[in-house]
Amino acid sequence: MRDYNQSKKRKTSLKTYILLMVVLALNTLRYGGYLLEDSTSIYNWILFVLNLASLLVVLFLSTKKDVDAQSG
């Protein structure tokens, strides 16, 4: 029973991670597109930078977690 719950939790975690990555990637592309279309308002710059930073942090933390899991 315990293995089933851990497996289910892992699947839910993976789905959440994939959803988060998709949303961050789409938002980053959207605001990047606005900036490429010469809509250089400060709002678009801030949201582009925040989305890009969030995307990089999530990628960094997930790879660090994977490396820690493999080494320990």
Foldseek 3Di string as FASTA:
>chain_A
DVVVVVVVVVVVVVVVLVVLLVVLVVQLVVLVVCVVVVVPDVVSVVSNVVSVVVNVVSVVVVVVVVVVVVVD
